[in-house]
């Protein structure tokens, strides 16, 4: 399919041919859900496990008589009330490192890209050069392009320095290289913006 290419000044810059096998798929909610869930699970960090009563190396011998000692009843020195005793209801080590087939992950990314094409929220830019890297200049350009409240801009191998400098203080505008493109970030933004270089890198990523 052919998509129009624009400049940051909202001027025409020709068109680009997008690979239908990457940008023309029918999105499936189940595949996207599996990939997003996998991504969020991979982000979670495991807590450091604490030693509970059964993990403390102390004698299990009863401290004294059940009654008549004039003090509280205790079964052994592992109780949480004692210094060095086991932790009551302590943190457990849990596994947050699920697996997901590479083919499913690749298919999910293709479907995320295709969903943006399908709902008309994909913009392809010729380049990201901002005059003198000024935020004020970029804000004016974004208004003419009609970006949504949250926009994700994906560049090629290296980020455009002037655009990165100008967009650093703009809320809702995020920039990443093509190698960092992922399903979760694409779906949570209203608008997806790709440069020509990004399209080439993404297509090479799947074809290679």
C-alpha atoms as a PDB file:
ATOM      1  CA  UNK A   1       0.000   0.000   0.000  1.00  0.00           C
ATOM      2  CA  UNK A   2       1.081   3.582  -0.622  1.00  0.00           C
ATOM      3  CA  UNK A   3       1.074   6.202   2.131  1.00  0.00           C
ATOM      4  CA  UNK A   4       1.672   9.918   1.738  1.00  0.00           C
ATOM      5  CA  UNK A   5       4.859  11.298   3.240  1.00  0.00           C
ATOM      6  CA  UNK A   6       4.893  14.765   4.792  1.00  0.00           C
ATOM      7  CA  UNK A   7       7.496  17.102   6.204  1.00  0.00           C
ATOM      8  CA  UNK A   8       7.496  18.613   9.678  1.00  0.00           C
ATOM      9  CA  UNK A   9       6.109  21.782   8.088  1.00  0.00           C
ATOM     10  CA  UNK A  10       3.084  19.749   6.854  1.00  0.00           C
ATOM     11  CA  UNK A  11       4.305  19.911   3.275  1.00  0.00           C
ATOM     12  CA  UNK A  12       4.061  17.076   0.764  1.00  0.00           C
ATOM     13  CA  UNK A  13       7.162  14.917   0.323  1.00  0.00           C
ATOM     14  CA  UNK A  14       5.919  12.234  -2.058  1.00  0.00           C
ATOM     15  CA  UNK A  15       4.765   8.815  -0.923  1.00  0.00           C
ATOM     16  CA  UNK A  16       6.175   5.533   0.326  1.00  0.00           C
ATOM     17  CA  UNK A  17       5.254   1.923  -0.374  1.00  0.00           C
ATOM     18  CA  UNK A  18       4.504  -0.019   2.828  1.00  0.00           C
ATOM     19  CA  UNK A  19       4.816  -3.782   2.935  1.00  0.00           C
ATOM     20  CA  UNK A  20       1.325  -5.310   3.268  1.00  0.00           C
ATOM     21  CA  UNK A  21       2.742  -8.251   5.215  1.00  0.00           C
ATOM     22  CA  UNK A  22       3.811  -5.819   7.953  1.00  0.00           C
ATOM     23  CA  UNK A  23       1.431  -2.872   7.740  1.00  0.00           C
ATOM     24  CA  UNK A  24      -1.602  -4.494   6.122  1.00  0.00           C
ATOM     25  CA  UNK A  25      -2.570  -7.299   8.505  1.00  0.00           C
ATOM     26  CA  UNK A  26      -5.919  -7.617  10.235  1.00  0.00           C
ATOM     27  CA  UNK A  27      -5.238  -6.965  13.963  1.00  0.00           C
ATOM     28  CA  UNK A  28      -6.251  -9.703  16.392  1.00  0.00           C
ATOM     29  CA  UNK A  29      -7.042  -8.689  19.966  1.00  0.00           C
ATOM     30  CA  UNK A  30      -5.899 -12.038  21.385  1.00  0.00           C
ATOM     31  CA  UNK A  31      -2.409 -11.768  19.855  1.00  0.00           C
ATOM     32  CA  UNK A  32      -1.993  -8.132  20.943  1.00  0.00           C
ATOM     33  CA  UNK A  33      -3.180  -9.015  24.443  1.00  0.00           C
ATOM     34  CA  UNK A  34      -0.690 -11.886  24.744  1.00  0.00           C
ATOM     35  CA  UNK A  35       2.242  -9.713  23.662  1.00  0.00           C
ATOM     36  CA  UNK A  36       1.316  -6.746  25.890  1.00  0.00           C
ATOM     37  CA  UNK A  37       0.828  -9.046  28.887  1.00  0.00           C
ATOM     38  CA  UNK A  38       4.219 -10.644  28.203  1.00  0.00           C
ATOM     39  CA  UNK A  39       5.884  -7.214  28.010  1.00  0.00           C
ATOM     40  CA  UNK A  40       4.376  -5.998  31.274  1.00  0.00           C
ATOM     41  CA  UNK A  41       5.244  -9.241  33.057  1.00  0.00           C
ATOM     42  CA  UNK A  42       8.863  -8.946  31.884  1.00  0.00           C
ATOM     43  CA  UNK A  43       9.046  -5.479  33.453  1.00  0.00           C
ATOM     44  CA  UNK A  44       8.154  -6.699  36.930  1.00  0.00           C
ATOM     45  CA  UNK A  45      10.966  -7.156  39.392  1.00  0.00           C
ATOM     46  CA  UNK A  46      10.978  -9.982  41.919  1.00  0.00           C
ATOM     47  CA  UNK A  47      11.114  -9.172  45.621  1.00  0.00           C
ATOM     48  CA  UNK A  48      14.021 -10.384  47.722  1.00  0.00           C
ATOM     49  CA  UNK A  49      12.735 -13.385  49.591  1.00  0.00           C
ATOM     50  CA  UNK A  50      12.614 -13.119  53.388  1.00  0.00           C
ATOM     51  CA  UNK A  51      13.148 -15.932  55.877  1.00  0.00           C
ATOM     52  CA  UNK A  52       9.950 -17.025  57.503  1.00  0.00           C
ATOM     53  CA  UNK A  53       9.549 -19.065  60.666  1.00  0.00           C
ATOM     54  CA  UNK A  54      10.285 -22.356  58.939  1.00  0.00           C
ATOM     55  CA  UNK A  55      13.472 -20.963  57.322  1.00  0.00           C
ATOM     56  CA  UNK A  56      15.230 -19.774  60.501  1.00  0.00           C
ATOM     57  CA  UNK A  57      17.924 -22.088  61.850  1.00  0.00           C
ATOM     58  CA  UNK A  58      17.053 -22.197  65.548  1.00  0.00           C
ATOM     59  CA  UNK A  59      16.133 -24.872  68.029  1.00  0.00           C
ATOM     60  CA  UNK A  60      12.541 -25.982  67.994  1.00  0.00           C
ATOM     61  CA  UNK A  61      12.629 -26.788  71.695  1.00  0.00           C
ATOM     62  CA  UNK A  62       9.913 -25.206  73.798  1.00  0.00           C
ATOM     63  CA  UNK A  63      11.316 -22.363  75.914  1.00  0.00           C
ATOM     64  CA  UNK A  64       9.608 -23.250  79.153  1.00  0.00           C
ATOM     65  CA  UNK A  65       6.447 -24.495  80.714  1.00  0.00           C
ATOM     66  CA  UNK A  66       3.155 -23.581  79.135  1.00  0.00           C
ATOM     67  CA  UNK A  67       1.900 -22.126  82.434  1.00  0.00           C
ATOM     68  CA  UNK A  68       3.342 -20.838  85.650  1.00  0.00           C
ATOM     69  CA  UNK A  69       6.340 -18.981  84.251  1.00  0.00           C
ATOM     70  CA  UNK A  70       4.839 -15.513  84.599  1.00  0.00           C
ATOM     71  CA  UNK A  71       5.523 -14.662  80.968  1.00  0.00           C
ATOM     72  CA  UNK A  72       3.961 -15.112  77.563  1.00  0.00           C
ATOM     73  CA  UNK A  73       3.628 -18.549  76.051  1.00  0.00           C
ATOM     74  CA  UNK A  74       6.128 -19.414  73.334  1.00  0.00           C
ATOM     75  CA  UNK A  75       6.740 -22.593  71.389  1.00  0.00           C
ATOM     76  CA  UNK A  76      10.308 -21.849  70.206  1.00  0.00           C
ATOM     77  CA  UNK A  77      12.834 -19.118  69.393  1.00  0.00           C
ATOM     78  CA  UNK A  78      11.806 -18.921  65.721  1.00  0.00           C
ATOM     79  CA  UNK A  79       8.720 -16.842  66.537  1.00  0.00           C
ATOM     80  CA  UNK A  80       8.556 -13.431  64.784  1.00  0.00           C
ATOM     81  CA  UNK A  81       8.439 -11.578  68.124  1.00  0.00           C
ATOM     82  CA  UNK A  82      12.056 -12.524  68.872  1.00  0.00           C
ATOM     83  CA  UNK A  83      15.081 -10.755  67.428  1.00  0.00           C
ATOM     84  CA  UNK A  84      16.436 -12.974  64.676  1.00  0.00           C
ATOM     85  CA  UNK A  85      13.177 -14.864  64.422  1.00  0.00           C
ATOM     86  CA  UNK A  86      11.268 -15.565  61.232  1.00  0.00           C
ATOM     87  CA  UNK A  87       9.454 -12.832  59.342  1.00  0.00           C
ATOM     88  CA  UNK A  88       5.683 -12.970  59.625  1.00  0.00           C
ATOM     89  CA  UNK A  89       4.015 -13.025  56.186  1.00  0.00           C
ATOM     90  CA  UNK A  90       7.305 -12.149  54.487  1.00  0.00           C
ATOM     91  CA  UNK A  91       7.892 -11.427  50.812  1.00  0.00           C
ATOM     92  CA  UNK A  92       8.108 -14.475  48.586  1.00  0.00           C
ATOM     93  CA  UNK A  93      10.263 -14.839  45.472  1.00  0.00           C
ATOM     94  CA  UNK A  94       7.930 -15.159  42.488  1.00  0.00           C
ATOM     95  CA  UNK A  95       8.755 -15.803  38.861  1.00  0.00           C
ATOM     96  CA  UNK A  96       7.878 -12.871  36.559  1.00  0.00           C
ATOM     97  CA  UNK A  97       9.800 -14.122  33.557  1.00  0.00           C
ATOM     98  CA  UNK A  98       7.235 -15.704  31.233  1.00  0.00           C
ATOM     99  CA  UNK A  99       8.110 -17.000  27.803  1.00  0.00           C
ATOM    100  CA  UNK A 100       6.488 -16.145  24.495  1.00  0.00           C
ATOM    101  CA  UNK A 101       7.278 -17.572  21.081  1.00  0.00           C
ATOM    102  CA  UNK A 102       9.348 -15.236  18.858  1.00  0.00           C
ATOM    103  CA  UNK A 103       6.905 -15.686  16.000  1.00  0.00           C
ATOM    104  CA  UNK A 104       4.025 -14.524  18.188  1.00  0.00           C
ATOM    105  CA  UNK A 105       6.029 -11.495  19.355  1.00  0.00           C
ATOM    106  CA  UNK A 106       6.867 -10.563  15.757  1.00  0.00           C
ATOM    107  CA  UNK A 107       3.254 -11.066  14.684  1.00  0.00           C
ATOM    108  CA  UNK A 108       2.077  -8.853  17.549  1.00  0.00           C
ATOM    109  CA  UNK A 109       4.358  -6.003  16.435  1.00  0.00           C
ATOM    110  CA  UNK A 110       3.152  -6.307  12.851  1.00  0.00           C
ATOM    111  CA  UNK A 111      -0.466  -6.196  14.029  1.00  0.00           C
ATOM    112  CA  UNK A 112       0.220  -3.163  16.234  1.00  0.00           C
ATOM    113  CA  UNK A 113       1.680  -1.324  13.221  1.00  0.00           C
ATOM    114  CA  UNK A 114      -1.228  -2.469  11.046  1.00  0.00           C
ATOM    115  CA  UNK A 115      -3.772  -1.241  13.614  1.00  0.00           C
ATOM    116  CA  UNK A 116      -2.366   2.287  13.380  1.00  0.00           C
ATOM    117  CA  UNK A 117      -2.629   2.190   9.590  1.00  0.00           C
ATOM    118  CA  UNK A 118      -6.174   0.851   9.786  1.00  0.00           C
ATOM    119  CA  UNK A 119      -7.495   3.553  12.141  1.00  0.00           C
ATOM    120  CA  UNK A 120      -5.684   6.337  10.284  1.00  0.00           C
ATOM    121  CA  UNK A 121      -3.356   7.303  13.118  1.00  0.00           C
ATOM    122  CA  UNK A 122      -0.096   6.614  11.252  1.00  0.00           C
ATOM    123  CA  UNK A 123       1.979   9.540   9.971  1.00  0.00           C
ATOM    124  CA  UNK A 124       5.104   9.078   7.865  1.00  0.00           C
ATOM    125  CA  UNK A 125       7.585  11.954   7.927  1.00  0.00           C
ATOM    126  CA  UNK A 126      10.391  12.644   5.505  1.00  0.00           C
ATOM    127  CA  UNK A 127      12.720  13.720   8.318  1.00  0.00           C
ATOM    128  CA  UNK A 128      12.878  15.142  11.831  1.00  0.00           C
ATOM    129  CA  UNK A 129      15.150  18.166  11.408  1.00  0.00           C
ATOM    130  CA  UNK A 130      14.051  21.049  13.644  1.00  0.00           C
ATOM    131  CA  UNK A 131      15.578  24.479  13.052  1.00  0.00           C
ATOM    132  CA  UNK A 132      18.113  25.162  15.826  1.00  0.00           C
ATOM    133  CA  UNK A 133      16.448  22.454  17.945  1.00  0.00           C
ATOM    134  CA  UNK A 134      13.918  24.962  19.291  1.00  0.00           C
ATOM    135  CA  UNK A 135      10.923  23.621  21.240  1.00  0.00           C
ATOM    136  CA  UNK A 136       8.770  26.598  20.205  1.00  0.00           C
ATOM    137  CA  UNK A 137       9.400  25.863  16.535  1.00  0.00           C
ATOM    138  CA  UNK A 138       8.514  22.192  16.955  1.00  0.00           C
ATOM    139  CA  UNK A 139       5.293  22.941  18.860  1.00  0.00           C
ATOM    140  CA  UNK A 140       4.058  25.043  15.968  1.00  0.00           C
ATOM    141  CA  UNK A 141       4.925  22.310  13.488  1.00  0.00           C
ATOM    142  CA  UNK A 142       3.116  19.652  15.510  1.00  0.00           C
ATOM    143  CA  UNK A 143      -0.082  21.701  15.565  1.00  0.00           C
ATOM    144  CA  UNK A 144      -0.108  21.863  11.773  1.00  0.00           C
ATOM    145  CA  UNK A 145       0.466  18.092  11.549  1.00  0.00           C
ATOM    146  CA  UNK A 146      -2.431  17.296  13.866  1.00  0.00           C
ATOM    147  CA  UNK A 147      -0.696  15.021  16.373  1.00  0.00           C
ATOM    148  CA  UNK A 148      -2.907  13.533  19.096  1.00  0.00           C
ATOM    149  CA  UNK A 149      -2.431  14.111  22.816  1.00  0.00           C
ATOM    150  CA  UNK A 150       0.057  11.265  22.958  1.00  0.00           C
ATOM    151  CA  UNK A 151       2.335  10.604  20.001  1.00  0.00           C
ATOM    152  CA  UNK A 152       5.165   8.125  19.563  1.00  0.00           C
ATOM    153  CA  UNK A 153       7.873   9.101  17.078  1.00  0.00           C
ATOM    154  CA  UNK A 154      10.112   6.305  15.803  1.00  0.00           C
ATOM    155  CA  UNK A 155      13.312   7.183  13.958  1.00  0.00           C
ATOM    156  CA  UNK A 156      15.953   5.010  12.266  1.00  0.00           C
ATOM    157  CA  UNK A 157      19.141   3.648  13.837  1.00  0.00           C
ATOM    158  CA  UNK A 158      20.079   6.912  15.546  1.00  0.00           C
ATOM    159  CA  UNK A 159      17.789   9.581  16.951  1.00  0.00           C
ATOM    160  CA  UNK A 160      17.713  12.988  15.284  1.00  0.00           C
ATOM    161  CA  UNK A 161      19.593  15.246  17.707  1.00  0.00           C
ATOM    162  CA  UNK A 162      17.687  18.450  16.914  1.00  0.00           C
ATOM    163  CA  UNK A 163      14.286  16.735  17.278  1.00  0.00           C
ATOM    164  CA  UNK A 164      15.331  15.017  20.508  1.00  0.00           C
ATOM    165  CA  UNK A 165      16.460  18.345  21.952  1.00  0.00           C
ATOM    166  CA  UNK A 166      13.309  20.186  20.852  1.00  0.00           C
ATOM    167  CA  UNK A 167      10.865  17.492  22.001  1.00  0.00           C
ATOM    168  CA  UNK A 168      12.420  16.868  25.405  1.00  0.00           C
ATOM    169  CA  UNK A 169      10.003  19.198  27.242  1.00  0.00           C
ATOM    170  CA  UNK A 170       6.841  18.412  25.253  1.00  0.00           C
ATOM    171  CA  UNK A 171       4.378  16.381  27.326  1.00  0.00           C
ATOM    172  CA  UNK A 172       2.914  13.378  25.546  1.00  0.00           C
ATOM    173  CA  UNK A 173       5.552  13.230  22.803  1.00  0.00           C
ATOM    174  CA  UNK A 174       7.973  10.319  22.983  1.00  0.00           C
ATOM    175  CA  UNK A 175      10.890   9.459  20.724  1.00  0.00           C
ATOM    176  CA  UNK A 176      12.661   6.130  20.226  1.00  0.00           C
ATOM    177  CA  UNK A 177      14.883   4.397  17.646  1.00  0.00           C
ATOM    178  CA  UNK A 178      13.459   1.692  15.376  1.00  0.00           C
ATOM    179  CA  UNK A 179      15.172  -1.039  17.373  1.00  0.00           C
ATOM    180  CA  UNK A 180      13.036  -0.098  20.407  1.00  0.00           C
ATOM    181  CA  UNK A 181       9.662  -0.347  18.623  1.00  0.00           C
ATOM    182  CA  UNK A 182       7.293  -2.489  20.692  1.00  0.00           C
ATOM    183  CA  UNK A 183       3.609  -3.351  20.874  1.00  0.00           C
ATOM    184  CA  UNK A 184       2.825  -1.756  24.247  1.00  0.00           C
ATOM    185  CA  UNK A 185       4.254   1.687  23.431  1.00  0.00           C
ATOM    186  CA  UNK A 186       2.662   1.740  19.973  1.00  0.00           C
ATOM    187  CA  UNK A 187      -0.807   0.892  21.265  1.00  0.00           C
ATOM    188  CA  UNK A 188      -0.828   3.291  24.214  1.00  0.00           C
ATOM    189  CA  UNK A 189      -0.158   6.346  22.015  1.00  0.00           C
ATOM    190  CA  UNK A 190      -2.858   8.057  19.976  1.00  0.00           C
ATOM    191  CA  UNK A 191      -0.584   8.682  16.994  1.00  0.00           C
ATOM    192  CA  UNK A 192       2.321   6.711  15.566  1.00  0.00           C
ATOM    193  CA  UNK A 193       4.883   8.707  13.604  1.00  0.00           C
ATOM    194  CA  UNK A 194       7.487   6.932  11.484  1.00  0.00           C
ATOM    195  CA  UNK A 195      10.307   8.431   9.482  1.00  0.00           C
ATOM    196  CA  UNK A 196      11.355   6.975   6.130  1.00  0.00           C
ATOM    197  CA  UNK A 197      14.399   5.543   7.884  1.00  0.00           C
ATOM    198  CA  UNK A 198      12.172   3.914  10.516  1.00  0.00           C
ATOM    199  CA  UNK A 199      10.025   2.236   7.861  1.00  0.00           C
ATOM    200  CA  UNK A 200      13.130   0.843   6.186  1.00  0.00           C
ATOM    201  CA  UNK A 201      14.544  -0.451   9.467  1.00  0.00           C
ATOM    202  CA  UNK A 202      11.266  -2.044  10.560  1.00  0.00           C
ATOM    203  CA  UNK A 203      10.806  -3.807   7.234  1.00  0.00           C
ATOM    204  CA  UNK A 204      14.426  -4.970   7.280  1.00  0.00           C
ATOM    205  CA  UNK A 205      13.909  -6.231  10.851  1.00  0.00           C
ATOM    206  CA  UNK A 206      11.146  -8.593   9.751  1.00  0.00           C
ATOM    207  CA  UNK A 207      12.649  -9.556   6.408  1.00  0.00           C
ATOM    208  CA  UNK A 208      16.046 -10.287   7.910  1.00  0.00           C
END
